[in-house]
Amino acid sequence: FGESHGEAIGVIIDGCPAGVNVDLDYIQGELDKRKPGQSKITT
């Protein structure tokens, strides 16, 4: 859900089995690879 210039974007995940280790640093690291402003060849 969410739009480019709205307050936020987000996701609901349903059906993920219990017991998966949630490595927040890993998740944030994946987002850092996609985020804008990384270099001179990105937005």
ModelCIF file with pLDDT and N, C-alpha, C, O atoms, coordinates in Angstrom:
data_MODEL
#
_entry.id   MODEL 
#
_entity.id                         1 
_entity.type                       polymer 
_entity.pdbx_number_of_molecules   1 
#
_entity_poly.entity_id                      1 
_entity_poly.type                           'polypeptide(L)' 
_entity_poly.nstd_linkage                   no 
_entity_poly.nstd_monomer                   no 
_entity_poly.pdbx_seq_one_letter_code       FGESHGEAIGVIIDGCPAGVNVDLDYIQGELDKRKPGQSKITT 
_entity_poly.pdbx_seq_one_letter_code_can   FGESHGEAIGVIIDGCPAGVNVDLDYIQGELDKRKPGQSKITT 
_entity_poly.pdbx_strand_id                 A 
#
loop_
_entity_poly_seq.entity_id 
_entity_poly_seq.num 
_entity_poly_seq.mon_id 
_entity_poly_seq.hetero 
1 1  PHE n 
1 2  GLY n 
1 3  GLU n 
1 4  SER n 
1 5  HIS n 
1 6  GLY n 
1 7  GLU n 
1 8  ALA n 
1 9  ILE n 
1 10 GLY n 
1 11 VAL n 
1 12 ILE n 
1 13 ILE n 
1 14 ASP n 
1 15 GLY n 
1 16 CYS n 
1 17 PRO n 
1 18 ALA n 
1 19 GLY n 
1 20 VAL n 
1 21 ASN n 
1 22 VAL n 
1 23 ASP n 
1 24 LEU n 
1 25 ASP n 
1 26 TYR n 
1 27 ILE n 
1 28 GLN n 
1 29 GLY n 
1 30 GLU n 
1 31 LEU n 
1 32 ASP n 
1 33 LYS n 
1 34 ARG n 
1 35 LYS n 
1 36 PRO n 
1 37 GLY n 
1 38 GLN n 
1 39 SER n 
1 40 LYS n 
1 41 ILE n 
1 42 THR n 
1 43 THR n 
#
_struct_asym.id          A 
_struct_asym.entity_id   1 
#
loop_
_ma_qa_metric.id 
_ma_qa_metric.mode 
_ma_qa_metric.name 
_ma_qa_metric.software_group_id 
_ma_qa_metric.type 
1 global pLDDT . pLDDT 
2 local  pLDDT . pLDDT 
#
_ma_qa_metric_global.metric_id      1 
_ma_qa_metric_global.metric_value   90.67 
_ma_qa_metric_global.model_id       1 
_ma_qa_metric_global.ordinal_id     1 
#
loop_
_ma_qa_metric_local.label_asym_id 
_ma_qa_metric_local.label_comp_id 
_ma_qa_metric_local.label_seq_id 
_ma_qa_metric_local.metric_id 
_ma_qa_metric_local.metric_value 
_ma_qa_metric_local.model_id 
_ma_qa_metric_local.ordinal_id 
A PHE 1  2 96.00 1 1  
A GLY 2  2 92.00 1 2  
A GLU 3  2 89.00 1 3  
A SER 4  2 83.00 1 4  
A HIS 5  2 83.00 1 5  
A GLY 6  2 86.00 1 6  
A GLU 7  2 90.00 1 7  
A ALA 8  2 93.00 1 8  
A ILE 9  2 95.00 1 9  
A GLY 10 2 97.00 1 10 
A VAL 11 2 98.00 1 11 
A ILE 12 2 98.00 1 12 
A ILE 13 2 98.00 1 13 
A ASP 14 2 98.00 1 14 
A GLY 15 2 98.00 1 15 
A CYS 16 2 98.00 1 16 
A PRO 17 2 98.00 1 17 
A ALA 18 2 98.00 1 18 
A GLY 19 2 98.00 1 19 
A VAL 20 2 98.00 1 20 
A ASN 21 2 98.00 1 21 
A VAL 22 2 98.00 1 22 
A ASP 23 2 98.00 1 23 
A LEU 24 2 97.00 1 24 
A ASP 25 2 97.00 1 25 
A TYR 26 2 97.00 1 26 
A ILE 27 2 98.00 1 27 
A GLN 28 2 97.00 1 28 
A GLY 29 2 96.00 1 29 
A GLU 30 2 97.00 1 30 
A LEU 31 2 96.00 1 31 
A ASP 32 2 94.00 1 32 
A LYS 33 2 94.00 1 33 
A ARG 34 2 93.00 1 34 
A LYS 35 2 85.00 1 35 
A PRO 36 2 76.00 1 36 
A GLY 37 2 69.00 1 37 
A GLN 38 2 70.00 1 38 
A SER 39 2 72.00 1 39 
A LYS 40 2 76.00 1 40 
A ILE 41 2 77.00 1 41 
A THR 42 2 73.00 1 42 
A THR 43 2 67.00 1 43 
#
loop_
_atom_site.group_PDB 
_atom_site.id 
_atom_site.type_symbol 
_atom_site.label_atom_id 
_atom_site.label_alt_id 
_atom_site.label_comp_id 
_atom_site.label_asym_id 
_atom_site.label_entity_id 
_atom_site.label_seq_id 
_atom_site.pdbx_PDB_ins_code 
_atom_site.Cartn_x 
_atom_site.Cartn_y 
_atom_site.Cartn_z 
_atom_site.occupancy 
_atom_site.B_iso_or_equiv 
_atom_site.pdbx_formal_charge 
_atom_site.auth_seq_id 
_atom_site.auth_comp_id 
_atom_site.auth_asym_id 
_atom_site.auth_atom_id 
_atom_site.pdbx_PDB_model_num 
ATOM 1   N N  . PHE A 1 1  ? 0.845  -1.200  0.000   1.00 96.00 ? 1  PHE A N  1 
ATOM 2   C CA . PHE A 1 1  ? 0.000  0.000   0.000   1.00 96.00 ? 1  PHE A CA 1 
ATOM 3   C C  . PHE A 1 1  ? 0.877  1.245   0.000   1.00 96.00 ? 1  PHE A C  1 
ATOM 4   O O  . PHE A 1 1  ? 2.065  1.185   0.318   1.00 96.00 ? 1  PHE A O  1 
ATOM 5   N N  . GLY A 1 2  ? 0.272  2.376   -0.362  1.00 92.00 ? 2  GLY A N  1 
ATOM 6   C CA . GLY A 1 2  ? 0.975  3.651   -0.312  1.00 92.00 ? 2  GLY A CA 1 
ATOM 7   C C  . GLY A 1 2  ? 1.302  4.213   -1.682  1.00 92.00 ? 2  GLY A C  1 
ATOM 8   O O  . GLY A 1 2  ? 1.271  3.508   -2.690  1.00 92.00 ? 2  GLY A O  1 
ATOM 9   N N  . GLU A 1 3  ? 1.619  5.513   -1.694  1.00 89.00 ? 3  GLU A N  1 
ATOM 10  C CA . GLU A 1 3  ? 1.937  6.235   -2.917  1.00 89.00 ? 3  GLU A CA 1 
ATOM 11  C C  . GLU A 1 3  ? 3.281  6.951   -2.782  1.00 89.00 ? 3  GLU A C  1 
ATOM 12  O O  . GLU A 1 3  ? 3.824  7.099   -1.687  1.00 89.00 ? 3  GLU A O  1 
ATOM 13  N N  . SER A 1 4  ? 3.795  7.387   -3.922  1.00 83.00 ? 4  SER A N  1 
ATOM 14  C CA . SER A 1 4  ? 5.102  8.019   -3.974  1.00 83.00 ? 4  SER A CA 1 
ATOM 15  C C  . SER A 1 4  ? 5.205  9.230   -3.059  1.00 83.00 ? 4  SER A C  1 
ATOM 16  O O  . SER A 1 4  ? 6.221  9.414   -2.388  1.00 83.00 ? 4  SER A O  1 
ATOM 17  N N  . HIS A 1 5  ? 4.159  10.063  -3.023  1.00 83.00 ? 5  HIS A N  1 
ATOM 18  C CA . HIS A 1 5  ? 4.210  11.300  -2.248  1.00 83.00 ? 5  HIS A CA 1 
ATOM 19  C C  . HIS A 1 5  ? 3.219  11.297  -1.088  1.00 83.00 ? 5  HIS A C  1 
ATOM 20  O O  . HIS A 1 5  ? 2.873  12.356  -0.564  1.00 83.00 ? 5  HIS A O  1 
ATOM 21  N N  . GLY A 1 6  ? 2.762  10.117  -0.686  1.00 86.00 ? 6  GLY A N  1 
ATOM 22  C CA . GLY A 1 6  ? 1.932  10.003  0.503   1.00 86.00 ? 6  GLY A CA 1 
ATOM 23  C C  . GLY A 1 6  ? 2.788  10.005  1.760   1.00 86.00 ? 6  GLY A C  1 
ATOM 24  O O  . GLY A 1 6  ? 3.996  10.233  1.690   1.00 86.00 ? 6  GLY A O  1 
ATOM 25  N N  . GLU A 1 7  ? 2.171  9.751   2.911   1.00 90.00 ? 7  GLU A N  1 
ATOM 26  C CA . GLU A 1 7  ? 2.911  9.771   4.171   1.00 90.00 ? 7  GLU A CA 1 
ATOM 27  C C  . GLU A 1 7  ? 3.854  8.582   4.305   1.00 90.00 ? 7  GLU A C  1 
ATOM 28  O O  . GLU A 1 7  ? 4.928  8.694   4.896   1.00 90.00 ? 7  GLU A O  1 
ATOM 29  N N  . ALA A 1 8  ? 3.447  7.442   3.752   1.00 93.00 ? 8  ALA A N  1 
ATOM 30  C CA . ALA A 1 8  ? 4.268  6.235   3.910   1.00 93.00 ? 8  ALA A CA 1 
ATOM 31  C C  . ALA A 1 8  ? 3.853  5.217   2.871   1.00 93.00 ? 8  ALA A C  1 
ATOM 32  O O  . ALA A 1 8  ? 2.796  5.324   2.249   1.00 93.00 ? 8  ALA A O  1 
ATOM 33  N N  . ILE A 1 9  ? 4.715  4.223   2.700   1.00 95.00 ? 9  ILE A N  1 
ATOM 34  C CA . ILE A 1 9  ? 4.370  3.024   1.945   1.00 95.00 ? 9  ILE A CA 1 
ATOM 35  C C  . ILE A 1 9  ? 4.559  1.839   2.886   1.00 95.00 ? 9  ILE A C  1 
ATOM 36  O O  . ILE A 1 9  ? 5.217  1.956   3.920   1.00 95.00 ? 9  ILE A O  1 
ATOM 37  N N  . GLY A 1 10 ? 3.979  0.702   2.521   1.00 97.00 ? 10 GLY A N  1 
ATOM 38  C CA . GLY A 1 10 ? 4.107  -0.436  3.416   1.00 97.00 ? 10 GLY A CA 1 
ATOM 39  C C  . GLY A 1 10 ? 3.595  -1.716  2.803   1.00 97.00 ? 10 GLY A C  1 
ATOM 40  O O  . GLY A 1 10 ? 3.163  -1.748  1.651   1.00 97.00 ? 10 GLY A O  1 
ATOM 41  N N  . VAL A 1 11 ? 3.653  -2.783  3.602   1.00 98.00 ? 11 VAL A N  1 
ATOM 42  C CA . VAL A 1 11 ? 3.269  -4.103  3.127   1.00 98.00 ? 11 VAL A CA 1 
ATOM 43  C C  . VAL A 1 11 ? 2.725  -4.924  4.281   1.00 98.00 ? 11 VAL A C  1 
ATOM 44  O O  . VAL A 1 11 ? 3.206  -4.830  5.410   1.00 98.00 ? 11 VAL A O  1 
ATOM 45  N N  . ILE A 1 12 ? 1.715  -5.730  3.982   1.00 98.00 ? 12 ILE A N  1 
ATOM 46  C CA . ILE A 1 12 ? 1.205  -6.737  4.911   1.00 98.00 ? 12 ILE A CA 1 
ATOM 47  C C  . ILE A 1 12 ? 1.613  -8.098  4.368   1.00 98.00 ? 12 ILE A C  1 
ATOM 48  O O  . ILE A 1 12 ? 1.333  -8.411  3.211   1.00 98.00 ? 12 ILE A O  1 
ATOM 49  N N  . ILE A 1 13 ? 2.269  -8.908  5.185   1.00 98.00 ? 13 ILE A N  1 
ATOM 50  C CA . ILE A 1 13 ? 2.678  -10.259 4.801   1.00 98.00 ? 13 ILE A CA 1 
ATOM 51  C C  . ILE A 1 13 ? 1.826  -11.242 5.585   1.00 98.00 ? 13 ILE A C  1 
ATOM 52  O O  . ILE A 1 13 ? 1.834  -11.236 6.816   1.00 98.00 ? 13 ILE A O  1 
ATOM 53  N N  . ASP A 1 14 ? 1.100  -12.075 4.879   1.00 98.00 ? 14 ASP A N  1 
ATOM 54  C CA . ASP A 1 14 ? 0.253  -13.083 5.527   1.00 98.00 ? 14 ASP A CA 1 
ATOM 55  C C  . ASP A 1 14 ? 0.724  -14.460 5.079   1.00 98.00 ? 14 ASP A C  1 
ATOM 56  O O  . ASP A 1 14 ? 1.018  -14.669 3.903   1.00 98.00 ? 14 ASP A O  1 
ATOM 57  N N  . GLY A 1 15 ? 0.793  -15.394 6.015   1.00 98.00 ? 15 GLY A N  1 
ATOM 58  C CA . GLY A 1 15 ? 1.165  -16.763 5.671   1.00 98.00 ? 15 GLY A CA 1 
ATOM 59  C C  . GLY A 1 15 ? 2.614  -17.101 5.919   1.00 98.00 ? 15 GLY A C  1 
ATOM 60  O O  . GLY A 1 15 ? 3.045  -18.209 5.600   1.00 98.00 ? 15 GLY A O  1 
ATOM 61  N N  . CYS A 1 16 ? 3.387  -16.175 6.481   1.00 98.00 ? 16 CYS A N  1 
ATOM 62  C CA . CYS A 1 16 ? 4.775  -16.506 6.813   1.00 98.00 ? 16 CYS A CA 1 
ATOM 63  C C  . CYS A 1 16 ? 4.771  -17.441 8.019   1.00 98.00 ? 16 CYS A C  1 
ATOM 64  O O  . CYS A 1 16 ? 4.174  -17.109 9.043   1.00 98.00 ? 16 CYS A O  1 
ATOM 65  N N  . PRO A 1 17 ? 5.419  -18.594 7.924   1.00 98.00 ? 17 PRO A N  1 
ATOM 66  C CA . PRO A 1 17 ? 5.407  -19.535 9.049   1.00 98.00 ? 17 PRO A CA 1 
ATOM 67  C C  . PRO A 1 17 ? 6.019  -18.928 10.307  1.00 98.00 ? 17 PRO A C  1 
ATOM 68  O O  . PRO A 1 17 ? 6.865  -18.037 10.232  1.00 98.00 ? 17 PRO A O  1 
ATOM 69  N N  . ALA A 1 18 ? 5.590  -19.414 11.442  1.00 98.00 ? 18 ALA A N  1 
ATOM 70  C CA . ALA A 1 18 ? 6.176  -18.983 12.709  1.00 98.00 ? 18 ALA A CA 1 
ATOM 71  C C  . ALA A 1 18 ? 7.597  -19.527 12.837  1.00 98.00 ? 18 ALA A C  1 
ATOM 72  O O  . ALA A 1 18 ? 7.939  -20.559 12.259  1.00 98.00 ? 18 ALA A O  1 
ATOM 73  N N  . GLY A 1 19 ? 8.419  -18.807 13.611  1.00 98.00 ? 19 GLY A N  1 
ATOM 74  C CA . GLY A 1 19 ? 9.744  -19.303 13.934  1.00 98.00 ? 19 GLY A CA 1 
ATOM 75  C C  . GLY A 1 19 ? 10.867 -18.820 13.045  1.00 98.00 ? 19 GLY A C  1 
ATOM 76  O O  . GLY A 1 19 ? 12.016 -19.211 13.250  1.00 98.00 ? 19 GLY A O  1 
ATOM 77  N N  . VAL A 1 20 ? 10.571 -17.969 12.048  1.00 98.00 ? 20 VAL A N  1 
ATOM 78  C CA . VAL A 1 20 ? 11.632 -17.432 11.196  1.00 98.00 ? 20 VAL A CA 1 
ATOM 79  C C  . VAL A 1 20 ? 12.341 -16.310 11.955  1.00 98.00 ? 20 VAL A C  1 
ATOM 80  O O  . VAL A 1 20 ? 11.691 -15.398 12.466  1.00 98.00 ? 20 VAL A O  1 
ATOM 81  N N  . ASN A 1 21 ? 13.666 -16.375 12.028  1.00 98.00 ? 21 ASN A N  1 
ATOM 82  C CA . ASN A 1 21 ? 14.426 -15.309 12.678  1.00 98.00 ? 21 ASN A CA 1 
ATOM 83  C C  . ASN A 1 21 ? 14.318 -14.028 11.864  1.00 98.00 ? 21 ASN A C  1 
ATOM 84  O O  . ASN A 1 21 ? 14.621 -14.017 10.671  1.00 98.00 ? 21 ASN A O  1 
ATOM 85  N N  . VAL A 1 22 ? 13.891 -12.962 12.502  1.00 98.00 ? 22 VAL A N  1 
ATOM 86  C CA . VAL A 1 22 ? 13.712 -11.676 11.817  1.00 98.00 ? 22 VAL A CA 1 
ATOM 87  C C  . VAL A 1 22 ? 14.966 -10.840 12.041  1.00 98.00 ? 22 VAL A C  1 
ATOM 88  O O  . VAL A 1 22 ? 15.117 -10.189 13.075  1.00 98.00 ? 22 VAL A O  1 
ATOM 89  N N  . ASP A 1 23 ? 15.849 -10.868 11.072  1.00 98.00 ? 23 ASP A N  1 
ATOM 90  C CA . ASP A 1 23 ? 17.095 -10.109 11.134  1.00 98.00 ? 23 ASP A CA 1 
ATOM 91  C C  . ASP A 1 23 ? 16.821 -8.726  10.565  1.00 98.00 ? 23 ASP A C  1 
ATOM 92  O O  . ASP A 1 23 ? 16.874 -8.524  9.352   1.00 98.00 ? 23 ASP A O  1 
ATOM 93  N N  . LEU A 1 24 ? 16.526 -7.775  11.444  1.00 97.00 ? 24 LEU A N  1 
ATOM 94  C CA . LEU A 1 24 ? 16.140 -6.441  10.990  1.00 97.00 ? 24 LEU A CA 1 
ATOM 95  C C  . LEU A 1 24 ? 17.286 -5.743  10.263  1.00 97.00 ? 24 LEU A C  1 
ATOM 96  O O  . LEU A 1 24 ? 17.057 -4.979  9.326   1.00 97.00 ? 24 LEU A O  1 
ATOM 97  N N  . ASP A 1 25 ? 18.519 -6.007  10.695  1.00 97.00 ? 25 ASP A N  1 
ATOM 98  C CA . ASP A 1 25 ? 19.668 -5.409  10.004  1.00 97.00 ? 25 ASP A CA 1 
ATOM 99  C C  . ASP A 1 25 ? 19.765 -5.907  8.569   1.00 97.00 ? 25 ASP A C  1 
ATOM 100 O O  . ASP A 1 25 ? 20.098 -5.144  7.662   1.00 97.00 ? 25 ASP A O  1 
ATOM 101 N N  . TYR A 1 26 ? 19.473 -7.188  8.363   1.00 97.00 ? 26 TYR A N  1 
ATOM 102 C CA . TYR A 1 26 ? 19.496 -7.742  7.009   1.00 97.00 ? 26 TYR A CA 1 
ATOM 103 C C  . TYR A 1 26 ? 18.390 -7.106  6.156   1.00 97.00 ? 26 TYR A C  1 
ATOM 104 O O  . TYR A 1 26 ? 18.633 -6.715  5.014   1.00 97.00 ? 26 TYR A O  1 
ATOM 105 N N  . ILE A 1 27 ? 17.192 -7.005  6.704   1.00 98.00 ? 27 ILE A N  1 
ATOM 106 C CA . ILE A 1 27 ? 16.069 -6.413  5.969   1.00 98.00 ? 27 ILE A CA 1 
ATOM 107 C C  . ILE A 1 27 ? 16.389 -4.971  5.600   1.00 98.00 ? 27 ILE A C  1 
ATOM 108 O O  . ILE A 1 27 ? 16.152 -4.546  4.469   1.00 98.00 ? 27 ILE A O  1 
ATOM 109 N N  . GLN A 1 28 ? 16.933 -4.216  6.564   1.00 97.00 ? 28 GLN A N  1 
ATOM 110 C CA . GLN A 1 28 ? 17.287 -2.825  6.280   1.00 97.00 ? 28 GLN A CA 1 
ATOM 111 C C  . GLN A 1 28 ? 18.401 -2.748  5.250   1.00 97.00 ? 28 GLN A C  1 
ATOM 112 O O  . GLN A 1 28 ? 18.415 -1.841  4.418   1.00 97.00 ? 28 GLN A O  1 
ATOM 113 N N  . GLY A 1 29 ? 19.341 -3.696  5.299   1.00 96.00 ? 29 GLY A N  1 
ATOM 114 C CA . GLY A 1 29 ? 20.421 -3.726  4.319   1.00 96.00 ? 29 GLY A CA 1 
ATOM 115 C C  . GLY A 1 29 ? 19.914 -3.928  2.904   1.00 96.00 ? 29 GLY A C  1 
ATOM 116 O O  . GLY A 1 29 ? 20.446 -3.337  1.964   1.00 96.00 ? 29 GLY A O  1 
ATOM 117 N N  . GLU A 1 30 ? 18.888 -4.758  2.741   1.00 97.00 ? 30 GLU A N  1 
ATOM 118 C CA . GLU A 1 30 ? 18.291 -4.949  1.410   1.00 97.00 ? 30 GLU A CA 1 
ATOM 119 C C  . GLU A 1 30 ? 17.617 -3.667  0.930   1.00 97.00 ? 30 GLU A C  1 
ATOM 120 O O  . GLU A 1 30 ? 17.713 -3.311  -0.244  1.00 97.00 ? 30 GLU A O  1 
ATOM 121 N N  . LEU A 1 31 ? 16.937 -2.980  1.840   1.00 96.00 ? 31 LEU A N  1 
ATOM 122 C CA . LEU A 1 31 ? 16.296 -1.717  1.476   1.00 96.00 ? 31 LEU A CA 1 
ATOM 123 C C  . LEU A 1 31 ? 17.334 -0.657  1.115   1.00 96.00 ? 31 LEU A C  1 
ATOM 124 O O  . LEU A 1 31 ? 17.100 0.165   0.229   1.00 96.00 ? 31 LEU A O  1 
ATOM 125 N N  . ASP A 1 32 ? 18.477 -0.673  1.794   1.00 94.00 ? 32 ASP A N  1 
ATOM 126 C CA . ASP A 1 32 ? 19.525 0.300   1.504   1.00 94.00 ? 32 ASP A CA 1 
ATOM 127 C C  . ASP A 1 32 ? 20.064 0.148   0.083   1.00 94.00 ? 32 ASP A C  1 
ATOM 128 O O  . ASP A 1 32 ? 20.525 1.119   -0.519  1.00 94.00 ? 32 ASP A O  1 
ATOM 129 N N  . LYS A 1 33 ? 20.003 -1.083  -0.455  1.00 94.00 ? 33 LYS A N  1 
ATOM 130 C CA . LYS A 1 33 ? 20.477 -1.310  -1.820  1.00 94.00 ? 33 LYS A CA 1 
ATOM 131 C C  . LYS A 1 33 ? 19.503 -0.740  -2.861  1.00 94.00 ? 33 LYS A C  1 
ATOM 132 O O  . LYS A 1 33 ? 19.889 -0.467  -3.998  1.00 94.00 ? 33 LYS A O  1 
ATOM 133 N N  . ARG A 1 34 ? 18.257 -0.566  -2.465  1.00 93.00 ? 34 ARG A N  1 
ATOM 134 C CA . ARG A 1 34 ? 17.239 -0.056  -3.382  1.00 93.00 ? 34 ARG A CA 1 
ATOM 135 C C  . ARG A 1 34 ? 16.991 1.442   -3.225  1.00 93.00 ? 34 ARG A C  1 
ATOM 136 O O  . ARG A 1 34 ? 16.492 2.086   -4.148  1.00 93.00 ? 34 ARG A O  1 
ATOM 137 N N  . LYS A 1 35 ? 17.332 1.996   -2.075  1.00 85.00 ? 35 LYS A N  1 
ATOM 138 C CA . LYS A 1 35 ? 16.924 3.367   -1.772  1.00 85.00 ? 35 LYS A CA 1 
ATOM 139 C C  . LYS A 1 35 ? 17.546 4.370   -2.745  1.00 85.00 ? 35 LYS A C  1 
ATOM 140 O O  . LYS A 1 35 ? 18.598 4.103   -3.326  1.00 85.00 ? 35 LYS A O  1 
ATOM 141 N N  . PRO A 1 36 ? 16.900 5.516   -2.920  1.00 76.00 ? 36 PRO A N  1 
ATOM 142 C CA . PRO A 1 36 ? 17.431 6.545   -3.818  1.00 76.00 ? 36 PRO A CA 1 
ATOM 143 C C  . PRO A 1 36 ? 18.628 7.258   -3.199  1.00 76.00 ? 36 PRO A C  1 
ATOM 144 O O  . PRO A 1 36 ? 18.929 7.091   -2.017  1.00 76.00 ? 36 PRO A O  1 
ATOM 145 N N  . GLY A 1 37 ? 19.303 8.060   -4.027  1.00 69.00 ? 37 GLY A N  1 
ATOM 146 C CA . GLY A 1 37 ? 20.387 8.884   -3.552  1.00 69.00 ? 37 GLY A CA 1 
ATOM 147 C C  . GLY A 1 37 ? 21.681 8.156   -3.262  1.00 69.00 ? 37 GLY A C  1 
ATOM 148 O O  . GLY A 1 37 ? 22.506 8.648   -2.493  1.00 69.00 ? 37 GLY A O  1 
ATOM 149 N N  . GLN A 1 38 ? 21.879 6.975   -3.870  1.00 70.00 ? 38 GLN A N  1 
ATOM 150 C CA . GLN A 1 38 ? 23.060 6.172   -3.560  1.00 70.00 ? 38 GLN A CA 1 
ATOM 151 C C  . GLN A 1 38 ? 24.326 6.687   -4.236  1.00 70.00 ? 38 GLN A C  1 
ATOM 152 O O  . GLN A 1 38 ? 25.413 6.602   -3.663  1.00 70.00 ? 38 GLN A O  1 
ATOM 153 N N  . SER A 1 39 ? 24.196 7.216   -5.442  1.00 72.00 ? 39 SER A N  1 
ATOM 154 C CA . SER A 1 39 ? 25.379 7.576   -6.216  1.00 72.00 ? 39 SER A CA 1 
ATOM 155 C C  . SER A 1 39 ? 25.001 8.570   -7.303  1.00 72.00 ? 39 SER A C  1 
ATOM 156 O O  . SER A 1 39 ? 23.843 8.972   -7.422  1.00 72.00 ? 39 SER A O  1 
ATOM 157 N N  . LYS A 1 40 ? 25.991 8.958   -8.090  1.00 76.00 ? 40 LYS A N  1 
ATOM 158 C CA . LYS A 1 40 ? 25.762 9.920   -9.158  1.00 76.00 ? 40 LYS A CA 1 
ATOM 159 C C  . LYS A 1 40 ? 24.917 9.352   -10.286 1.00 76.00 ? 40 LYS A C  1 
ATOM 160 O O  . LYS A 1 40 ? 24.411 10.114  -11.110 1.00 76.00 ? 40 LYS A O  1 
ATOM 161 N N  . ILE A 1 41 ? 24.749 8.032   -10.346 1.00 77.00 ? 41 ILE A N  1 
ATOM 162 C CA . ILE A 1 41 ? 23.971 7.440   -11.445 1.00 77.00 ? 41 ILE A CA 1 
ATOM 163 C C  . ILE A 1 41 ? 22.586 6.996   -10.986 1.00 77.00 ? 41 ILE A C  1 
ATOM 164 O O  . ILE A 1 41 ? 21.930 6.203   -11.662 1.00 77.00 ? 41 ILE A O  1 
ATOM 165 N N  . THR A 1 42 ? 22.134 7.514   -9.821  1.00 73.00 ? 42 THR A N  1 
ATOM 166 C CA . THR A 1 42 ? 20.775 7.244   -9.358  1.00 73.00 ? 42 THR A CA 1 
ATOM 167 C C  . THR A 1 42 ? 20.085 8.565   -9.042  1.00 73.00 ? 42 THR A C  1 
ATOM 168 O O  . THR A 1 42 ? 20.732 9.609   -8.971  1.00 73.00 ? 42 THR A O  1 
ATOM 169 N N  . THR A 1 43 ? 18.763 8.514   -8.853  1.00 67.00 ? 43 THR A N  1 
ATOM 170 C CA . THR A 1 43 ? 18.014 9.703   -8.470  1.00 67.00 ? 43 THR A CA 1 
ATOM 171 C C  . THR A 1 43 ? 18.579 10.274  -7.178  1.00 67.00 ? 43 THR A C  1 
ATOM 172 O O  . THR A 1 43 ? 18.084 11.285  -6.681  1.00 67.00 ? 43 THR A O  1 
#
